[in-house]
């Protein structure tokens, strides 16, 4: 299951998974996606390790912003991942 989290002014949508690996080391994958004229820019980060799993189209500066954003929002993303999304 994937849950909406936020939309940035540049069109980037941020969504996250439910909690994965609940029995061992709980993780959540956070997806960033922005429409372009040729498709989408897309990046994915795993929490709580902050390991970038994938990036296509985002600059290092944008990834740095996303990384800081995740450090400030990880606790909320985990809470919403556990409860079924922000609107649950």
PDB file of N, CA and C in Angstrom:
ATOM      1  N   UNK A   1       0.848  -1.172   0.000  1.00  0.00           N
ATOM      2  CA  UNK A   1       0.000   0.000   0.000  1.00  0.00           C
ATOM      3  C   UNK A   1       0.891   1.231   0.000  1.00  0.00           C
ATOM      4  N   UNK A   2       0.477   2.255  -0.741  1.00  0.00           N
ATOM      5  CA  UNK A   2       1.198   3.522  -0.819  1.00  0.00           C
ATOM      6  C   UNK A   2       0.259   4.638  -0.375  1.00  0.00           C
ATOM      7  N   UNK A   3       0.789   5.556   0.434  1.00  0.00           N
ATOM      8  CA  UNK A   3      -0.007   6.644   0.985  1.00  0.00           C
ATOM      9  C   UNK A   3       0.556   7.997   0.548  1.00  0.00           C
ATOM     10  N   UNK A   4      -0.317   8.928   0.190  1.00  0.00           N
ATOM     11  CA  UNK A   4       0.101  10.289  -0.145  1.00  0.00           C
ATOM     12  C   UNK A   4       0.587  10.991   1.118  1.00  0.00           C
ATOM     13  N   UNK A   5       1.619  11.834   0.942  1.00  0.00           N
ATOM     14  CA  UNK A   5       2.113  12.604   2.078  1.00  0.00           C
ATOM     15  C   UNK A   5       2.055  14.114   1.808  1.00  0.00           C
ATOM     16  N   UNK A   6       2.694  14.586   0.726  1.00  0.00           N
ATOM     17  CA  UNK A   6       2.728  16.018   0.449  1.00  0.00           C
ATOM     18  C   UNK A   6       3.029  16.244  -1.029  1.00  0.00           C
ATOM     19  N   UNK A   7       2.643  17.414  -1.521  1.00  0.00           N
ATOM     20  CA  UNK A   7       2.997  17.867  -2.866  1.00  0.00           C
ATOM     21  C   UNK A   7       3.773  19.164  -2.734  1.00  0.00           C
ATOM     22  N   UNK A   8       4.919  19.245  -3.425  1.00  0.00           N
ATOM     23  CA  UNK A   8       5.734  20.455  -3.425  1.00  0.00           C
ATOM     24  C   UNK A   8       5.301  21.371  -4.574  1.00  0.00           C
ATOM     25  N   UNK A   9       5.608  22.679  -4.468  1.00  0.00           N
ATOM     26  CA  UNK A   9       5.204  23.632  -5.509  1.00  0.00           C
ATOM     27  C   UNK A   9       5.717  23.292  -6.915  1.00  0.00           C
ATOM     28  N   UNK A  10       6.854  22.577  -7.025  1.00  0.00           N
ATOM     29  CA  UNK A  10       7.385  22.240  -8.350  1.00  0.00           C
ATOM     30  C   UNK A  10       6.684  21.041  -8.985  1.00  0.00           C
ATOM     31  N   UNK A  11       5.651  20.518  -8.297  1.00  0.00           N
ATOM     32  CA  UNK A  11       4.909  19.375  -8.820  1.00  0.00           C
ATOM     33  C   UNK A  11       5.367  18.038  -8.279  1.00  0.00           C
ATOM     34  N   UNK A  12       6.428  18.024  -7.470  1.00  0.00           N
ATOM     35  CA  UNK A  12       6.892  16.771  -6.882  1.00  0.00           C
ATOM     36  C   UNK A  12       5.870  16.269  -5.874  1.00  0.00           C
ATOM     37  N   UNK A  13       5.437  15.033  -6.063  1.00  0.00           N
ATOM     38  CA  UNK A  13       4.528  14.374  -5.128  1.00  0.00           C
ATOM     39  C   UNK A  13       5.347  13.420  -4.278  1.00  0.00           C
ATOM     40  N   UNK A  14       5.073  13.424  -2.979  1.00  0.00           N
ATOM     41  CA  UNK A  14       5.771  12.541  -2.047  1.00  0.00           C
ATOM     42  C   UNK A  14       4.756  11.552  -1.499  1.00  0.00           C
ATOM     43  N   UNK A  15       5.054  10.275  -1.674  1.00  0.00           N
ATOM     44  CA  UNK A  15       4.211   9.202  -1.137  1.00  0.00           C
ATOM     45  C   UNK A  15       5.108   8.237  -0.382  1.00  0.00           C
ATOM     46  N   UNK A  16       4.508   7.421   0.480  1.00  0.00           N
ATOM     47  CA  UNK A  16       5.286   6.448   1.244  1.00  0.00           C
ATOM     48  C   UNK A  16       4.518   5.144   1.342  1.00  0.00           C
ATOM     49  N   UNK A  17       5.265   4.083   1.602  1.00  0.00           N
ATOM     50  CA  UNK A  17       4.669   2.760   1.770  1.00  0.00           C
ATOM     51  C   UNK A  17       4.166   2.590   3.194  1.00  0.00           C
ATOM     52  N   UNK A  18       3.459   1.497   3.404  1.00  0.00           N
ATOM     53  CA  UNK A  18       3.168   1.084   4.769  1.00  0.00           C
ATOM     54  C   UNK A  18       4.491   0.601   5.372  1.00  0.00           C
ATOM     55  N   UNK A  19       4.502   0.242   6.635  1.00  0.00           N
ATOM     56  CA  UNK A  19       5.718  -0.263   7.256  1.00  0.00           C
ATOM     57  C   UNK A  19       6.039  -1.630   6.651  1.00  0.00           C
ATOM     58  N   UNK A  20       7.273  -1.764   6.186  1.00  0.00           N
ATOM     59  CA  UNK A  20       7.768  -3.008   5.608  1.00  0.00           C
ATOM     60  C   UNK A  20       8.664  -3.705   6.632  1.00  0.00           C
ATOM     61  N   UNK A  21       8.809  -5.003   6.527  1.00  0.00           N
ATOM     62  CA  UNK A  21       9.679  -5.783   7.424  1.00  0.00           C
ATOM     63  C   UNK A  21       9.314  -5.574   8.893  1.00  0.00           C
ATOM     64  N   UNK A  22       8.034  -5.593   9.197  1.00  0.00           N
ATOM     65  CA  UNK A  22       7.578  -5.319  10.564  1.00  0.00           C
ATOM     66  C   UNK A  22       8.226  -6.218  11.609  1.00  0.00           C
ATOM     67  N   UNK A  23       8.490  -7.468  11.258  1.00  0.00           N
ATOM     68  CA  UNK A  23       9.001  -8.428  12.232  1.00  0.00           C
ATOM     69  C   UNK A  23      10.485  -8.240  12.547  1.00  0.00           C
ATOM     70  N   UNK A  24      11.243  -7.686  11.629  1.00  0.00           N
ATOM     71  CA  UNK A  24      12.689  -7.548  11.839  1.00  0.00           C
ATOM     72  C   UNK A  24      13.050  -6.088  12.056  1.00  0.00           C
ATOM     73  N   UNK A  25      13.481  -5.435  11.005  1.00  0.00           N
ATOM     74  CA  UNK A  25      13.839  -4.019  11.075  1.00  0.00           C
ATOM     75  C   UNK A  25      12.819  -3.223  10.279  1.00  0.00           C
ATOM     76  N   UNK A  26      11.865  -2.592  10.953  1.00  0.00           N
ATOM     77  CA  UNK A  26      10.825  -1.857  10.224  1.00  0.00           C
ATOM     78  C   UNK A  26      11.422  -0.775   9.321  1.00  0.00           C
ATOM     79  N   UNK A  27      10.952  -0.735   8.087  1.00  0.00           N
ATOM     80  CA  UNK A  27      11.378   0.284   7.139  1.00  0.00           C
ATOM     81  C   UNK A  27      10.161   0.853   6.434  1.00  0.00           C
ATOM     82  N   UNK A  28      10.360   2.005   5.842  1.00  0.00           N
ATOM     83  CA  UNK A  28       9.350   2.650   5.011  1.00  0.00           C
ATOM     84  C   UNK A  28      10.089   3.189   3.789  1.00  0.00           C
ATOM     85  N   UNK A  29       9.527   2.993   2.609  1.00  0.00           N
ATOM     86  CA  UNK A  29      10.096   3.576   1.407  1.00  0.00           C
ATOM     87  C   UNK A  29       9.315   4.844   1.066  1.00  0.00           C
ATOM     88  N   UNK A  30      10.059   5.913   0.794  1.00  0.00           N
ATOM     89  CA  UNK A  30       9.456   7.195   0.438  1.00  0.00           C
ATOM     90  C   UNK A  30       9.792   7.472  -1.025  1.00  0.00           C
ATOM     91  N   UNK A  31       8.762   7.768  -1.812  1.00  0.00           N
ATOM     92  CA  UNK A  31       8.898   7.986  -3.244  1.00  0.00           C
ATOM     93  C   UNK A  31       8.656   9.460  -3.561  1.00  0.00           C
ATOM     94  N   UNK A  32       9.523  10.013  -4.395  1.00  0.00           N
ATOM     95  CA  UNK A  32       9.393  11.386  -4.891  1.00  0.00           C
ATOM     96  C   UNK A  32       9.195  11.284  -6.396  1.00  0.00           C
ATOM     97  N   UNK A  33       8.183  11.975  -6.925  1.00  0.00           N
ATOM     98  CA  UNK A  33       7.912  11.894  -8.352  1.00  0.00           C
ATOM     99  C   UNK A  33       7.387  13.237  -8.857  1.00  0.00           C
ATOM    100  N   UNK A  34       7.929  13.665 -10.005  1.00  0.00           N
ATOM    101  CA  UNK A  34       7.543  14.946 -10.592  1.00  0.00           C
ATOM    102  C   UNK A  34       7.335  14.745 -12.092  1.00  0.00           C
ATOM    103  N   UNK A  35       6.210  15.209 -12.622  1.00  0.00           N
ATOM    104  CA  UNK A  35       5.984  15.076 -14.065  1.00  0.00           C
ATOM    105  C   UNK A  35       6.936  15.985 -14.852  1.00  0.00           C
ATOM    106  N   UNK A  36       7.379  15.492 -16.002  1.00  0.00           N
ATOM    107  CA  UNK A  36       8.211  16.263 -16.921  1.00  0.00           C
ATOM    108  C   UNK A  36       7.608  16.137 -18.318  1.00  0.00           C
ATOM    109  N   UNK A  37       8.171  16.828 -19.266  1.00  0.00           N
ATOM    110  CA  UNK A  37       7.664  16.736 -20.636  1.00  0.00           C
ATOM    111  C   UNK A  37       7.918  15.361 -21.252  1.00  0.00           C
ATOM    112  N   UNK A  38       8.874  14.609 -20.688  1.00  0.00           N
ATOM    113  CA  UNK A  38       9.212  13.276 -21.208  1.00  0.00           C
ATOM    114  C   UNK A  38       8.808  12.137 -20.281  1.00  0.00           C
ATOM    115  N   UNK A  39       8.012  12.400 -19.289  1.00  0.00           N
ATOM    116  CA  UNK A  39       7.627  11.348 -18.331  1.00  0.00           C
ATOM    117  C   UNK A  39       7.665  11.864 -16.905  1.00  0.00           C
ATOM    118  N   UNK A  40       8.573  11.302 -16.111  1.00  0.00           N
ATOM    119  CA  UNK A  40       8.658  11.668 -14.702  1.00  0.00           C
ATOM    120  C   UNK A  40      10.098  11.667 -14.229  1.00  0.00           C
ATOM    121  N   UNK A  41      10.419  12.594 -13.310  1.00  0.00           N
ATOM    122  CA  UNK A  41      11.616  12.466 -12.482  1.00  0.00           C
ATOM    123  C   UNK A  41      11.175  11.630 -11.297  1.00  0.00           C
ATOM    124  N   UNK A  42      12.048  10.760 -10.824  1.00  0.00           N
ATOM    125  CA  UNK A  42      11.644   9.827  -9.783  1.00  0.00           C
ATOM    126  C   UNK A  42      12.825   9.496  -8.882  1.00  0.00           C
ATOM    127  N   UNK A  43      12.569   9.434  -7.583  1.00  0.00           N
ATOM    128  CA  UNK A  43      13.589   9.043  -6.614  1.00  0.00           C
ATOM    129  C   UNK A  43      12.912   8.288  -5.478  1.00  0.00           C
ATOM    130  N   UNK A  44      13.681   7.404  -4.836  1.00  0.00           N
ATOM    131  CA  UNK A  44      13.135   6.593  -3.746  1.00  0.00           C
ATOM    132  C   UNK A  44      14.181   6.482  -2.644  1.00  0.00           C
ATOM    133  N   UNK A  45      13.745   6.662  -1.396  1.00  0.00           N
ATOM    134  CA  UNK A  45      14.630   6.587  -0.237  1.00  0.00           C
ATOM    135  C   UNK A  45      14.027   5.642   0.796  1.00  0.00           C
ATOM    136  N   UNK A  46      14.893   4.878   1.453  1.00  0.00           N
ATOM    137  CA  UNK A  46      14.450   3.958   2.498  1.00  0.00           C
ATOM    138  C   UNK A  46      14.733   4.578   3.865  1.00  0.00           C
ATOM    139  N   UNK A  47      13.739   4.543   4.713  1.00  0.00           N
ATOM    140  CA  UNK A  47      13.888   4.997   6.104  1.00  0.00           C
ATOM    141  C   UNK A  47      13.859   3.785   7.020  1.00  0.00           C
ATOM    142  N   UNK A  48      14.580   3.760   8.108  1.00  0.00           N
ATOM    143  CA  UNK A  48      15.295   4.866   8.729  1.00  0.00           C
ATOM    144  C   UNK A  48      16.759   5.004   8.293  1.00  0.00           C
ATOM    145  N   UNK A  49      17.225   4.246   7.320  1.00  0.00           N
ATOM    146  CA  UNK A  49      18.638   4.311   6.926  1.00  0.00           C
ATOM    147  C   UNK A  49      18.960   5.539   6.080  1.00  0.00           C
ATOM    148  N   UNK A  50      17.939   6.181   5.500  1.00  0.00           N
ATOM    149  CA  UNK A  50      18.117   7.318   4.590  1.00  0.00           C
ATOM    150  C   UNK A  50      18.956   6.914   3.374  1.00  0.00           C
ATOM    151  N   UNK A  51      18.859   5.657   2.985  1.00  0.00           N
ATOM    152  CA  UNK A  51      19.585   5.135   1.828  1.00  0.00           C
ATOM    153  C   UNK A  51      18.751   5.404   0.577  1.00  0.00           C
ATOM    154  N   UNK A  52      19.377   6.071  -0.408  1.00  0.00           N
ATOM    155  CA  UNK A  52      18.699   6.333  -1.671  1.00  0.00           C
ATOM    156  C   UNK A  52      18.755   5.079  -2.521  1.00  0.00           C
ATOM    157  N   UNK A  53      17.590   4.553  -2.875  1.00  0.00           N
ATOM    158  CA  UNK A  53      17.478   3.322  -3.630  1.00  0.00           C
ATOM    159  C   UNK A  53      17.472   3.575  -5.134  1.00  0.00           C
ATOM    160  N   UNK A  54      17.062   4.777  -5.531  1.00  0.00           N
ATOM    161  CA  UNK A  54      16.861   5.060  -6.941  1.00  0.00           C
ATOM    162  C   UNK A  54      16.771   6.565  -7.132  1.00  0.00           C
ATOM    163  N   UNK A  55      17.336   7.059  -8.223  1.00  0.00           N
ATOM    164  CA  UNK A  55      17.155   8.458  -8.606  1.00  0.00           C
ATOM    165  C   UNK A  55      17.285   8.575 -10.115  1.00  0.00           C
ATOM    166  N   UNK A  56      16.287   9.157 -10.716  1.00  0.00           N
ATOM    167  CA  UNK A  56      16.346   9.458 -12.144  1.00  0.00           C
ATOM    168  C   UNK A  56      15.744  10.830 -12.377  1.00  0.00           C
ATOM    169  N   UNK A  57      16.601  11.810 -12.636  1.00  0.00           N
ATOM    170  CA  UNK A  57      16.115  13.129 -12.994  1.00  0.00           C
ATOM    171  C   UNK A  57      16.282  14.215 -11.956  1.00  0.00           C
ATOM    172  N   UNK A  58      16.441  13.876 -10.696  1.00  0.00           N
ATOM    173  CA  UNK A  58      16.620  14.895  -9.666  1.00  0.00           C
ATOM    174  C   UNK A  58      18.102  15.219  -9.515  1.00  0.00           C
ATOM    175  N   UNK A  59      18.407  16.500  -9.279  1.00  0.00           N
ATOM    176  CA  UNK A  59      19.791  16.949  -9.100  1.00  0.00           C
ATOM    177  C   UNK A  59      20.276  16.607  -7.689  1.00  0.00           C
ATOM    178  N   UNK A  60      21.575  16.710  -7.487  1.00  0.00           N
ATOM    179  CA  UNK A  60      22.154  16.491  -6.158  1.00  0.00           C
ATOM    180  C   UNK A  60      21.604  17.516  -5.160  1.00  0.00           C
ATOM    181  N   UNK A  61      21.389  18.738  -5.625  1.00  0.00           N
ATOM    182  CA  UNK A  61      20.827  19.780  -4.766  1.00  0.00           C
ATOM    183  C   UNK A  61      19.405  19.416  -4.325  1.00  0.00           C
ATOM    184  N   UNK A  62      18.606  18.895  -5.259  1.00  0.00           N
ATOM    185  CA  UNK A  62      17.246  18.478  -4.922  1.00  0.00           C
ATOM    186  C   UNK A  62      17.263  17.291  -3.963  1.00  0.00           C
ATOM    187  N   UNK A  63      18.161  16.329  -4.190  1.00  0.00           N
ATOM    188  CA  UNK A  63      18.264  15.184  -3.276  1.00  0.00           C
ATOM    189  C   UNK A  63      18.685  15.632  -1.883  1.00  0.00           C
ATOM    190  N   UNK A  64      19.556  16.614  -1.816  1.00  0.00           N
ATOM    191  CA  UNK A  64      19.979  17.156  -0.524  1.00  0.00           C
ATOM    192  C   UNK A  64      18.787  17.779   0.206  1.00  0.00           C
ATOM    193  N   UNK A  65      17.957  18.525  -0.529  1.00  0.00           N
ATOM    194  CA  UNK A  65      16.740  19.090   0.057  1.00  0.00           C
ATOM    195  C   UNK A  65      15.822  17.979   0.551  1.00  0.00           C
ATOM    196  N   UNK A  66      15.620  16.943  -0.282  1.00  0.00           N
ATOM    197  CA  UNK A  66      14.757  15.827   0.113  1.00  0.00           C
ATOM    198  C   UNK A  66      15.305  15.126   1.354  1.00  0.00           C
ATOM    199  N   UNK A  67      16.629  14.976   1.417  1.00  0.00           N
ATOM    200  CA  UNK A  67      17.249  14.319   2.566  1.00  0.00           C
ATOM    201  C   UNK A  67      16.970  15.103   3.850  1.00  0.00           C
ATOM    202  N   UNK A  68      17.129  16.413   3.776  1.00  0.00           N
ATOM    203  CA  UNK A  68      16.824  17.251   4.947  1.00  0.00           C
ATOM    204  C   UNK A  68      15.340  17.167   5.292  1.00  0.00           C
ATOM    205  N   UNK A  69      14.494  17.220   4.279  1.00  0.00           N
ATOM    206  CA  UNK A  69      13.051  17.083   4.473  1.00  0.00           C
ATOM    207  C   UNK A  69      12.736  15.773   5.208  1.00  0.00           C
ATOM    208  N   UNK A  70      13.353  14.683   4.768  1.00  0.00           N
ATOM    209  CA  UNK A  70      13.099  13.384   5.401  1.00  0.00           C
ATOM    210  C   UNK A  70      13.575  13.356   6.848  1.00  0.00           C
ATOM    211  N   UNK A  71      14.711  13.972   7.128  1.00  0.00           N
ATOM    212  CA  UNK A  71      15.193  14.002   8.514  1.00  0.00           C
ATOM    213  C   UNK A  71      14.215  14.747   9.433  1.00  0.00           C
ATOM    214  N   UNK A  72      13.521  15.721   8.888  1.00  0.00           N
ATOM    215  CA  UNK A  72      12.542  16.474   9.693  1.00  0.00           C
ATOM    216  C   UNK A  72      11.170  15.800   9.739  1.00  0.00           C
ATOM    217  N   UNK A  73      10.900  14.880   8.827  1.00  0.00           N
ATOM    218  CA  UNK A  73       9.562  14.296   8.716  1.00  0.00           C
ATOM    219  C   UNK A  73       9.499  12.792   8.946  1.00  0.00           C
ATOM    220  N   UNK A  74      10.622  12.129   9.145  1.00  0.00           N
ATOM    221  CA  UNK A  74      10.640  10.664   9.260  1.00  0.00           C
ATOM    222  C   UNK A  74       9.720  10.164  10.369  1.00  0.00           C
ATOM    223  N   UNK A  75       9.716  10.829  11.504  1.00  0.00           N
ATOM    224  CA  UNK A  75       8.876  10.374  12.613  1.00  0.00           C
ATOM    225  C   UNK A  75       7.390  10.422  12.229  1.00  0.00           C
ATOM    226  N   UNK A  76       6.990  11.441  11.481  1.00  0.00           N
ATOM    227  CA  UNK A  76       5.593  11.527  11.038  1.00  0.00           C
ATOM    228  C   UNK A  76       5.290  10.486   9.964  1.00  0.00           C
ATOM    229  N   UNK A  77       6.213  10.315   9.029  1.00  0.00           N
ATOM    230  CA  UNK A  77       6.011   9.328   7.968  1.00  0.00           C
ATOM    231  C   UNK A  77       5.852   7.935   8.575  1.00  0.00           C
ATOM    232  N   UNK A  78       6.674   7.588   9.564  1.00  0.00           N
ATOM    233  CA  UNK A  78       6.526   6.287  10.227  1.00  0.00           C
ATOM    234  C   UNK A  78       5.182   6.182  10.938  1.00  0.00           C
ATOM    235  N   UNK A  79       4.765   7.257  11.586  1.00  0.00           N
ATOM    236  CA  UNK A  79       3.473   7.236  12.287  1.00  0.00           C
ATOM    237  C   UNK A  79       2.331   7.003  11.293  1.00  0.00           C
ATOM    238  N   UNK A  80       2.351   7.729  10.177  1.00  0.00           N
ATOM    239  CA  UNK A  80       1.293   7.577   9.181  1.00  0.00           C
ATOM    240  C   UNK A  80       1.378   6.230   8.465  1.00  0.00           C
ATOM    241  N   UNK A  81       2.589   5.724   8.259  1.00  0.00           N
ATOM    242  CA  UNK A  81       2.750   4.406   7.632  1.00  0.00           C
ATOM    243  C   UNK A  81       2.139   3.318   8.517  1.00  0.00           C
ATOM    244  N   UNK A  82       2.244   3.498   9.805  1.00  0.00           N
ATOM    245  CA  UNK A  82       1.719   2.519  10.753  1.00  0.00           C
ATOM    246  C   UNK A  82       0.192   2.601  10.861  1.00  0.00           C
ATOM    247  N   UNK A  83      -0.338   3.830  10.737  1.00  0.00           N
ATOM    248  CA  UNK A  83      -1.776   4.016  10.965  1.00  0.00           C
ATOM    249  C   UNK A  83      -2.626   3.978   9.694  1.00  0.00           C
ATOM    250  N   UNK A  84      -2.006   3.831   8.532  1.00  0.00           N
ATOM    251  CA  UNK A  84      -2.781   3.750   7.301  1.00  0.00           C
ATOM    252  C   UNK A  84      -2.878   5.043   6.538  1.00  0.00           C
ATOM    253  N   UNK A  85      -1.904   5.925   6.692  1.00  0.00           N
ATOM    254  CA  UNK A  85      -1.856   7.156   5.912  1.00  0.00           C
ATOM    255  C   UNK A  85      -2.249   8.375   6.726  1.00  0.00           C
ATOM    256  N   UNK A  86      -2.026   9.516   6.152  1.00  0.00           N
ATOM    257  CA  UNK A  86      -2.228  10.791   6.839  1.00  0.00           C
ATOM    258  C   UNK A  86      -3.698  11.053   7.151  1.00  0.00           C
ATOM    259  N   UNK A  87      -4.599  10.536   6.337  1.00  0.00           N
ATOM    260  CA  UNK A  87      -6.036  10.787   6.519  1.00  0.00           C
ATOM    261  C   UNK A  87      -6.741   9.719   7.360  1.00  0.00           C
ATOM    262  N   UNK A  88      -6.005   8.727   7.796  1.00  0.00           N
ATOM    263  CA  UNK A  88      -6.638   7.639   8.544  1.00  0.00           C
ATOM    264  C   UNK A  88      -7.027   8.058   9.945  1.00  0.00           C
TER     265      UNK A  88
END
